[in-house]
Amino acid sequence: MPNTKSAIRRVRRVKNQTRNNRIRKSKYKSAIKQMELLINSKEKEKAKKYFSKFQSILMQVAKSGVINRKTAARKISRISKKI
């Protein structure tokens, strides 16, 4: 239980940050699953169209700090090789 005013505000802030990070992580994971699904189903044209959106999602998540920038770059690189 927070005792000071600043601790109470901090608890509120952390709750919001946690919610936002969960949303971002979920978006990140679903983008990867979607891309893998498109690649494995031999729909290369759809995968190529989705790639720019996929890349954008990963960089947004990396920018916010949910995942490391190098992790995002590595994922993008490996997916682009598969396409």
PDB file of N, CA and C in Angstrom:
ATOM      1  N   MET A   1       0.841  -1.180   0.000  1.00  0.00           N
ATOM      2  CA  MET A   1       0.000   0.000   0.000  1.00  0.00           C
ATOM      3  C   MET A   1       0.889   1.248   0.000  1.00  0.00           C
ATOM      4  N   PRO A   2       0.730   2.119  -1.025  1.00  0.00           N
ATOM      5  CA  PRO A   2       1.555   3.324  -1.072  1.00  0.00           C
ATOM      6  C   PRO A   2       1.174   4.316   0.024  1.00  0.00           C
ATOM      7  N   ASN A   3       2.163   4.941   0.598  1.00  0.00           N
ATOM      8  CA  ASN A   3       1.930   5.867   1.702  1.00  0.00           C
ATOM      9  C   ASN A   3       1.984   7.333   1.291  1.00  0.00           C
ATOM     10  N   THR A   4       2.874   7.671   0.389  1.00  0.00           N
ATOM     11  CA  THR A   4       3.036   9.077   0.016  1.00  0.00           C
ATOM     12  C   THR A   4       2.223   9.395  -1.242  1.00  0.00           C
ATOM     13  N   LYS A   5       2.030  10.689  -1.462  1.00  0.00           N
ATOM     14  CA  LYS A   5       1.281  11.135  -2.636  1.00  0.00           C
ATOM     15  C   LYS A   5       1.956  10.688  -3.931  1.00  0.00           C
ATOM     16  N   SER A   6       3.269  10.832  -3.958  1.00  0.00           N
ATOM     17  CA  SER A   6       4.005  10.468  -5.174  1.00  0.00           C
ATOM     18  C   SER A   6       3.941   8.959  -5.428  1.00  0.00           C
ATOM     19  N   ALA A   7       3.936   8.163  -4.357  1.00  0.00           N
ATOM     20  CA  ALA A   7       3.835   6.704  -4.509  1.00  0.00           C
ATOM     21  C   ALA A   7       2.463   6.315  -5.046  1.00  0.00           C
ATOM     22  N   ILE A   8       1.431   7.021  -4.610  1.00  0.00           N
ATOM     23  CA  ILE A   8       0.078   6.753  -5.108  1.00  0.00           C
ATOM     24  C   ILE A   8       0.000   7.058  -6.604  1.00  0.00           C
ATOM     25  N   ARG A   9       0.574   8.190  -7.001  1.00  0.00           N
ATOM     26  CA  ARG A   9       0.599   8.550  -8.427  1.00  0.00           C
ATOM     27  C   ARG A   9       1.408   7.535  -9.231  1.00  0.00           C
ATOM     28  N   ARG A  10       2.492   7.106  -8.648  1.00  0.00           N
ATOM     29  CA  ARG A  10       3.363   6.122  -9.324  1.00  0.00           C
ATOM     30  C   ARG A  10       2.622   4.806  -9.574  1.00  0.00           C
ATOM     31  N   VAL A  11       1.825   4.372  -8.594  1.00  0.00           N
ATOM     32  CA  VAL A  11       1.047   3.137  -8.753  1.00  0.00           C
ATOM     33  C   VAL A  11       0.080   3.280  -9.924  1.00  0.00           C
ATOM     34  N   ARG A  12      -0.579   4.446 -10.000  1.00  0.00           N
ATOM     35  CA  ARG A  12      -1.501   4.699 -11.112  1.00  0.00           C
ATOM     36  C   ARG A  12      -0.777   4.665 -12.450  1.00  0.00           C
ATOM     37  N   ARG A  13       0.384   5.287 -12.472  1.00  0.00           N
ATOM     38  CA  ARG A  13       1.163   5.362 -13.701  1.00  0.00           C
ATOM     39  C   ARG A  13       1.641   3.978 -14.148  1.00  0.00           C
ATOM     40  N   VAL A  14       2.111   3.191 -13.196  1.00  0.00           N
ATOM     41  CA  VAL A  14       2.606   1.850 -13.521  1.00  0.00           C
ATOM     42  C   VAL A  14       1.474   0.971 -14.052  1.00  0.00           C
ATOM     43  N   LYS A  15       0.280   1.144 -13.502  1.00  0.00           N
ATOM     44  CA  LYS A  15      -0.861   0.362 -13.969  1.00  0.00           C
ATOM     45  C   LYS A  15      -1.153   0.659 -15.439  1.00  0.00           C
ATOM     46  N   ASN A  16      -1.118   1.946 -15.794  1.00  0.00           N
ATOM     47  CA  ASN A  16      -1.341   2.333 -17.185  1.00  0.00           C
ATOM     48  C   ASN A  16      -0.229   1.846 -18.100  1.00  0.00           C
ATOM     49  N   GLN A  17       1.001   1.950 -17.634  1.00  0.00           N
ATOM     50  CA  GLN A  17       2.136   1.488 -18.440  1.00  0.00           C
ATOM     51  C   GLN A  17       2.063  -0.018 -18.671  1.00  0.00           C
ATOM     52  N   THR A  18       1.677  -0.761 -17.640  1.00  0.00           N
ATOM     53  CA  THR A  18       1.562  -2.212 -17.765  1.00  0.00           C
ATOM     54  C   THR A  18       0.507  -2.576 -18.798  1.00  0.00           C
ATOM     55  N   ARG A  19      -0.632  -1.872 -18.744  1.00  0.00           N
ATOM     56  CA  ARG A  19      -1.698  -2.133 -19.709  1.00  0.00           C
ATOM     57  C   ARG A  19      -1.220  -1.860 -21.132  1.00  0.00           C
ATOM     58  N   ASN A  20      -0.551  -0.731 -21.322  1.00  0.00           N
ATOM     59  CA  ASN A  20      -0.057  -0.382 -22.660  1.00  0.00           C
ATOM     60  C   ASN A  20       0.991  -1.371 -23.152  1.00  0.00           C
ATOM     61  N   ASN A  21       1.881  -1.800 -22.269  1.00  0.00           N
ATOM     62  CA  ASN A  21       2.911  -2.759 -22.664  1.00  0.00           C
ATOM     63  C   ASN A  21       2.302  -4.099 -23.045  1.00  0.00           C
ATOM     64  N   ARG A  22       1.260  -4.518 -22.326  1.00  0.00           N
ATOM     65  CA  ARG A  22       0.590  -5.779 -22.680  1.00  0.00           C
ATOM     66  C   ARG A  22      -0.051  -5.685 -24.053  1.00  0.00           C
ATOM     67  N   ILE A  23      -0.671  -4.549 -24.334  1.00  0.00           N
ATOM     68  CA  ILE A  23      -1.295  -4.343 -25.641  1.00  0.00           C
ATOM     69  C   ILE A  23      -0.238  -4.385 -26.739  1.00  0.00           C
ATOM     70  N   ARG A  24       0.873  -3.702 -26.509  1.00  0.00           N
ATOM     71  CA  ARG A  24       1.945  -3.673 -27.512  1.00  0.00           C
ATOM     72  C   ARG A  24       2.558  -5.052 -27.720  1.00  0.00           C
ATOM     73  N   LYS A  25       2.787  -5.778 -26.634  1.00  0.00           N
ATOM     74  CA  LYS A  25       3.376  -7.110 -26.745  1.00  0.00           C
ATOM     75  C   LYS A  25       2.437  -8.051 -27.481  1.00  0.00           C
ATOM     76  N   SER A  26       1.147  -7.915 -27.228  1.00  0.00           N
ATOM     77  CA  SER A  26       0.153  -8.731 -27.911  1.00  0.00           C
ATOM     78  C   SER A  26       0.144  -8.428 -29.405  1.00  0.00           C
ATOM     79  N   LYS A  27       0.215  -7.140 -29.755  1.00  0.00           N
ATOM     80  CA  LYS A  27       0.246  -6.736 -31.154  1.00  0.00           C
ATOM     81  C   LYS A  27       1.480  -7.308 -31.848  1.00  0.00           C
ATOM     82  N   TYR A  28       2.609  -7.267 -31.149  1.00  0.00           N
ATOM     83  CA  TYR A  28       3.884  -7.789 -31.653  1.00  0.00           C
ATOM     84  C   TYR A  28       3.792  -9.290 -31.924  1.00  0.00           C
ATOM     85  N   LYS A  29       3.273 -10.028 -30.941  1.00  0.00           N
ATOM     86  CA  LYS A  29       3.179 -11.479 -31.083  1.00  0.00           C
ATOM     87  C   LYS A  29       2.202 -11.873 -32.181  1.00  0.00           C
ATOM     88  N   SER A  30       1.073 -11.178 -32.262  1.00  0.00           N
ATOM     89  CA  SER A  30       0.095 -11.519 -33.291  1.00  0.00           C
ATOM     90  C   SER A  30       0.622 -11.189 -34.689  1.00  0.00           C
ATOM     91  N   ALA A  31       1.426 -10.133 -34.816  1.00  0.00           N
ATOM     92  CA  ALA A  31       2.018  -9.791 -36.113  1.00  0.00           C
ATOM     93  C   ALA A  31       2.976 -10.889 -36.566  1.00  0.00           C
ATOM     94  N   ILE A  32       3.771 -11.405 -35.637  1.00  0.00           N
ATOM     95  CA  ILE A  32       4.705 -12.481 -35.972  1.00  0.00           C
ATOM     96  C   ILE A  32       3.949 -13.742 -36.376  1.00  0.00           C
ATOM     97  N   LYS A  33       2.900 -14.080 -35.616  1.00  0.00           N
ATOM     98  CA  LYS A  33       2.104 -15.265 -35.941  1.00  0.00           C
ATOM     99  C   LYS A  33       1.446 -15.136 -37.307  1.00  0.00           C
ATOM    100  N   GLN A  34       0.908 -13.947 -37.587  1.00  0.00           N
ATOM    101  CA  GLN A  34       0.259 -13.699 -38.872  1.00  0.00           C
ATOM    102  C   GLN A  34       1.253 -13.862 -40.015  1.00  0.00           C
ATOM    103  N   MET A  35       2.446 -13.328 -39.849  1.00  0.00           N
ATOM    104  CA  MET A  35       3.457 -13.411 -40.891  1.00  0.00           C
ATOM    105  C   MET A  35       3.896 -14.858 -41.107  1.00  0.00           C
ATOM    106  N   GLU A  36       4.121 -15.580 -40.020  1.00  0.00           N
ATOM    107  CA  GLU A  36       4.511 -16.991 -40.134  1.00  0.00           C
ATOM    108  C   GLU A  36       3.415 -17.789 -40.837  1.00  0.00           C
ATOM    109  N   LEU A  37       2.168 -17.484 -40.521  1.00  0.00           N
ATOM    110  CA  LEU A  37       1.035 -18.166 -41.142  1.00  0.00           C
ATOM    111  C   LEU A  37       1.008 -17.920 -42.645  1.00  0.00           C
ATOM    112  N   LEU A  38       1.229 -16.672 -43.046  1.00  0.00           N
ATOM    113  CA  LEU A  38       1.245 -16.343 -44.473  1.00  0.00           C
ATOM    114  C   LEU A  38       2.400 -17.026 -45.200  1.00  0.00           C
ATOM    115  N   ILE A  39       3.555 -17.082 -44.558  1.00  0.00           N
ATOM    116  CA  ILE A  39       4.718 -17.707 -45.190  1.00  0.00           C
ATOM    117  C   ILE A  39       4.523 -19.217 -45.310  1.00  0.00           C
ATOM    118  N   ASN A  40       4.026 -19.840 -44.240  1.00  0.00           N
ATOM    119  CA  ASN A  40       3.848 -21.298 -44.250  1.00  0.00           C
ATOM    120  C   ASN A  40       2.722 -21.752 -45.154  1.00  0.00           C
ATOM    121  N   SER A  41       1.754 -20.876 -45.440  1.00  0.00           N
ATOM    122  CA  SER A  41       0.637 -21.256 -46.302  1.00  0.00           C
ATOM    123  C   SER A  41       0.938 -20.984 -47.783  1.00  0.00           C
ATOM    124  N   LYS A  42       2.188 -20.669 -48.071  1.00  0.00           N
ATOM    125  CA  LYS A  42       2.659 -20.447 -49.444  1.00  0.00           C
ATOM    126  C   LYS A  42       1.980 -19.270 -50.135  1.00  0.00           C
ATOM    127  N   GLU A  43       1.482 -18.321 -49.360  1.00  0.00           N
ATOM    128  CA  GLU A  43       0.874 -17.122 -49.932  1.00  0.00           C
ATOM    129  C   GLU A  43       1.912 -16.004 -49.932  1.00  0.00           C
ATOM    130  N   LYS A  44       2.863 -16.126 -50.816  1.00  0.00           N
ATOM    131  CA  LYS A  44       3.996 -15.192 -50.851  1.00  0.00           C
ATOM    132  C   LYS A  44       3.565 -13.765 -51.178  1.00  0.00           C
ATOM    133  N   GLU A  45       2.570 -13.614 -52.064  1.00  0.00           N
ATOM    134  CA  GLU A  45       2.135 -12.265 -52.439  1.00  0.00           C
ATOM    135  C   GLU A  45       1.499 -11.541 -51.261  1.00  0.00           C
ATOM    136  N   LYS A  46       0.662 -12.252 -50.510  1.00  0.00           N
ATOM    137  CA  LYS A  46       0.044 -11.651 -49.326  1.00  0.00           C
ATOM    138  C   LYS A  46       1.098 -11.345 -48.271  1.00  0.00           C
ATOM    139  N   ALA A  47       2.084 -12.234 -48.161  1.00  0.00           N
ATOM    140  CA  ALA A  47       3.168 -12.030 -47.204  1.00  0.00           C
ATOM    141  C   ALA A  47       3.979 -10.782 -47.570  1.00  0.00           C
ATOM    142  N   LYS A  48       4.222 -10.595 -48.855  1.00  0.00           N
ATOM    143  CA  LYS A  48       4.973  -9.414 -49.306  1.00  0.00           C
ATOM    144  C   LYS A  48       4.190  -8.136 -49.036  1.00  0.00           C
ATOM    145  N   LYS A  49       2.875  -8.185 -49.227  1.00  0.00           N
ATOM    146  CA  LYS A  49       2.043  -7.005 -48.953  1.00  0.00           C
ATOM    147  C   LYS A  49       2.011  -6.702 -47.460  1.00  0.00           C
ATOM    148  N   TYR A  50       1.944  -7.746 -46.653  1.00  0.00           N
ATOM    149  CA  TYR A  50       1.851  -7.574 -45.199  1.00  0.00           C
ATOM    150  C   TYR A  50       3.192  -7.196 -44.574  1.00  0.00           C
ATOM    151  N   PHE A  51       4.278  -7.439 -45.289  1.00  0.00           N
ATOM    152  CA  PHE A  51       5.614  -7.236 -44.723  1.00  0.00           C
ATOM    153  C   PHE A  51       5.860  -5.807 -44.248  1.00  0.00           C
ATOM    154  N   SER A  52       5.414  -4.817 -45.014  1.00  0.00           N
ATOM    155  CA  SER A  52       5.658  -3.431 -44.607  1.00  0.00           C
ATOM    156  C   SER A  52       4.902  -3.096 -43.324  1.00  0.00           C
ATOM    157  N   LYS A  53       3.676  -3.604 -43.201  1.00  0.00           N
ATOM    158  CA  LYS A  53       2.903  -3.386 -41.973  1.00  0.00           C
ATOM    159  C   LYS A  53       3.560  -4.114 -40.803  1.00  0.00           C
ATOM    160  N   PHE A  54       4.025  -5.328 -41.075  1.00  0.00           N
ATOM    161  CA  PHE A  54       4.718  -6.143 -40.072  1.00  0.00           C
ATOM    162  C   PHE A  54       5.956  -5.416 -39.555  1.00  0.00           C
ATOM    163  N   GLN A  55       6.721  -4.872 -40.482  1.00  0.00           N
ATOM    164  CA  GLN A  55       7.940  -4.147 -40.143  1.00  0.00           C
ATOM    165  C   GLN A  55       7.612  -2.916 -39.299  1.00  0.00           C
ATOM    166  N   SER A  56       6.554  -2.228 -39.671  1.00  0.00           N
ATOM    167  CA  SER A  56       6.122  -1.037 -38.946  1.00  0.00           C
ATOM    168  C   SER A  56       5.715  -1.378 -37.510  1.00  0.00           C
ATOM    169  N   ILE A  57       4.958  -2.438 -37.345  1.00  0.00           N
ATOM    170  CA  ILE A  57       4.508  -2.856 -36.007  1.00  0.00           C
ATOM    171  C   ILE A  57       5.705  -3.189 -35.130  1.00  0.00           C
ATOM    172  N   LEU A  58       6.647  -3.959 -35.661  1.00  0.00           N
ATOM    173  CA  LEU A  58       7.813  -4.341 -34.865  1.00  0.00           C
ATOM    174  C   LEU A  58       8.647  -3.131 -34.469  1.00  0.00           C
ATOM    175  N   MET A  59       8.814  -2.176 -35.362  1.00  0.00           N
ATOM    176  CA  MET A  59       9.603  -1.002 -35.030  1.00  0.00           C
ATOM    177  C   MET A  59       8.890  -0.109 -34.014  1.00  0.00           C
ATOM    178  N   GLN A  60       7.559  -0.021 -34.089  1.00  0.00           N
ATOM    179  CA  GLN A  60       6.806   0.749 -33.098  1.00  0.00           C
ATOM    180  C   GLN A  60       6.972   0.149 -31.716  1.00  0.00           C
ATOM    181  N   VAL A  61       6.891  -1.177 -31.641  1.00  0.00           N
ATOM    182  CA  VAL A  61       7.023  -1.866 -30.357  1.00  0.00           C
ATOM    183  C   VAL A  61       8.445  -1.696 -29.818  1.00  0.00           C
ATOM    184  N   ALA A  62       9.424  -1.773 -30.706  1.00  0.00           N
ATOM    185  CA  ALA A  62      10.812  -1.595 -30.286  1.00  0.00           C
ATOM    186  C   ALA A  62      11.054  -0.164 -29.826  1.00  0.00           C
ATOM    187  N   LYS A  63      10.452   0.781 -30.507  1.00  0.00           N
ATOM    188  CA  LYS A  63      10.617   2.191 -30.164  1.00  0.00           C
ATOM    189  C   LYS A  63      10.085   2.485 -28.765  1.00  0.00           C
ATOM    190  N   SER A  64       8.995   1.817 -28.405  1.00  0.00           N
ATOM    191  CA  SER A  64       8.400   2.043 -27.085  1.00  0.00           C
ATOM    192  C   SER A  64       9.142   1.302 -25.987  1.00  0.00           C
ATOM    193  N   GLY A  65      10.046   0.395 -26.352  1.00  0.00           N
ATOM    194  CA  GLY A  65      10.878  -0.268 -25.362  1.00  0.00           C
ATOM    195  C   GLY A  65      10.355  -1.600 -24.869  1.00  0.00           C
ATOM    196  N   VAL A  66       9.275  -2.093 -25.470  1.00  0.00           N
ATOM    197  CA  VAL A  66       8.733  -3.376 -25.047  1.00  0.00           C
ATOM    198  C   VAL A  66       9.693  -4.496 -25.442  1.00  0.00           C
ATOM    199  N   ILE A  67      10.240  -4.400 -26.642  1.00  0.00           N
ATOM    200  CA  ILE A  67      11.297  -5.327 -27.061  1.00  0.00           C
ATOM    201  C   ILE A  67      12.500  -4.484 -27.467  1.00  0.00           C
ATOM    202  N   ASN A  68      13.642  -5.127 -27.512  1.00  0.00           N
ATOM    203  CA  ASN A  68      14.872  -4.447 -27.889  1.00  0.00           C
ATOM    204  C   ASN A  68      14.877  -4.163 -29.387  1.00  0.00           C
ATOM    205  N   ARG A  69      15.491  -3.060 -29.788  1.00  0.00           N
ATOM    206  CA  ARG A  69      15.572  -2.705 -31.215  1.00  0.00           C
ATOM    207  C   ARG A  69      16.293  -3.768 -32.032  1.00  0.00           C
ATOM    208  N   LYS A  70      17.339  -4.337 -31.458  1.00  0.00           N
ATOM    209  CA  LYS A  70      18.096  -5.362 -32.184  1.00  0.00           C
ATOM    210  C   LYS A  70      17.263  -6.632 -32.358  1.00  0.00           C
ATOM    211  N   THR A  71      16.427  -6.939 -31.381  1.00  0.00           N
ATOM    212  CA  THR A  71      15.534  -8.093 -31.494  1.00  0.00           C
ATOM    213  C   THR A  71      14.565  -7.881 -32.653  1.00  0.00           C
ATOM    214  N   ALA A  72      13.990  -6.687 -32.734  1.00  0.00           N
ATOM    215  CA  ALA A  72      13.065  -6.366 -33.820  1.00  0.00           C
ATOM    216  C   ALA A  72      13.781  -6.456 -35.167  1.00  0.00           C
ATOM    217  N   ALA A  73      14.966  -5.913 -35.244  1.00  0.00           N
ATOM    218  CA  ALA A  73      15.729  -5.939 -36.498  1.00  0.00           C
ATOM    219  C   ALA A  73      16.053  -7.372 -36.907  1.00  0.00           C
ATOM    220  N   ARG A  74      16.400  -8.195 -35.933  1.00  0.00           N
ATOM    221  CA  ARG A  74      16.709  -9.591 -36.210  1.00  0.00           C
ATOM    222  C   ARG A  74      15.479 -10.334 -36.738  1.00  0.00           C
ATOM    223  N   LYS A  75      14.324 -10.117 -36.116  1.00  0.00           N
ATOM    224  CA  LYS A  75      13.077 -10.764 -36.545  1.00  0.00           C
ATOM    225  C   LYS A  75      12.726 -10.332 -37.970  1.00  0.00           C
ATOM    226  N   ILE A  76      12.838  -9.032 -38.238  1.00  0.00           N
ATOM    227  CA  ILE A  76      12.526  -8.515 -39.572  1.00  0.00           C
ATOM    228  C   ILE A  76      13.460  -9.117 -40.606  1.00  0.00           C
ATOM    229  N   SER A  77      14.733  -9.191 -40.283  1.00  0.00           N
ATOM    230  CA  SER A  77      15.730  -9.741 -41.203  1.00  0.00           C
ATOM    231  C   SER A  77      15.448 -11.203 -41.532  1.00  0.00           C
ATOM    232  N   ARG A  78      15.145 -11.978 -40.509  1.00  0.00           N
ATOM    233  CA  ARG A  78      14.899 -13.410 -40.730  1.00  0.00           C
ATOM    234  C   ARG A  78      13.626 -13.648 -41.530  1.00  0.00           C
ATOM    235  N   ILE A  79      12.615 -12.838 -41.274  1.00  0.00           N
ATOM    236  CA  ILE A  79      11.377 -12.978 -42.032  1.00  0.00           C
ATOM    237  C   ILE A  79      11.597 -12.576 -43.499  1.00  0.00           C
ATOM    238  N   SER A  80      12.365 -11.512 -43.707  1.00  0.00           N
ATOM    239  CA  SER A  80      12.603 -11.066 -45.088  1.00  0.00           C
ATOM    240  C   SER A  80      13.376 -12.122 -45.881  1.00  0.00           C
ATOM    241  N   LYS A  81      14.244 -12.867 -45.223  1.00  0.00           N
ATOM    242  CA  LYS A  81      14.954 -13.949 -45.899  1.00  0.00           C
ATOM    243  C   LYS A  81      13.990 -15.047 -46.326  1.00  0.00           C
ATOM    244  N   LYS A  82      12.993 -15.311 -45.499  1.00  0.00           N
ATOM    245  CA  LYS A  82      12.016 -16.360 -45.816  1.00  0.00           C
ATOM    246  C   LYS A  82      11.132 -15.976 -47.000  1.00  0.00           C
ATOM    247  N   ILE A  83      10.894 -14.669 -47.146  1.00  0.00           N
ATOM    248  CA  ILE A  83      10.065 -14.200 -48.275  1.00  0.00           C
ATOM    249  C   ILE A  83      10.931 -14.226 -49.517  1.00  0.00           C
TER     250      ILE A  83
END
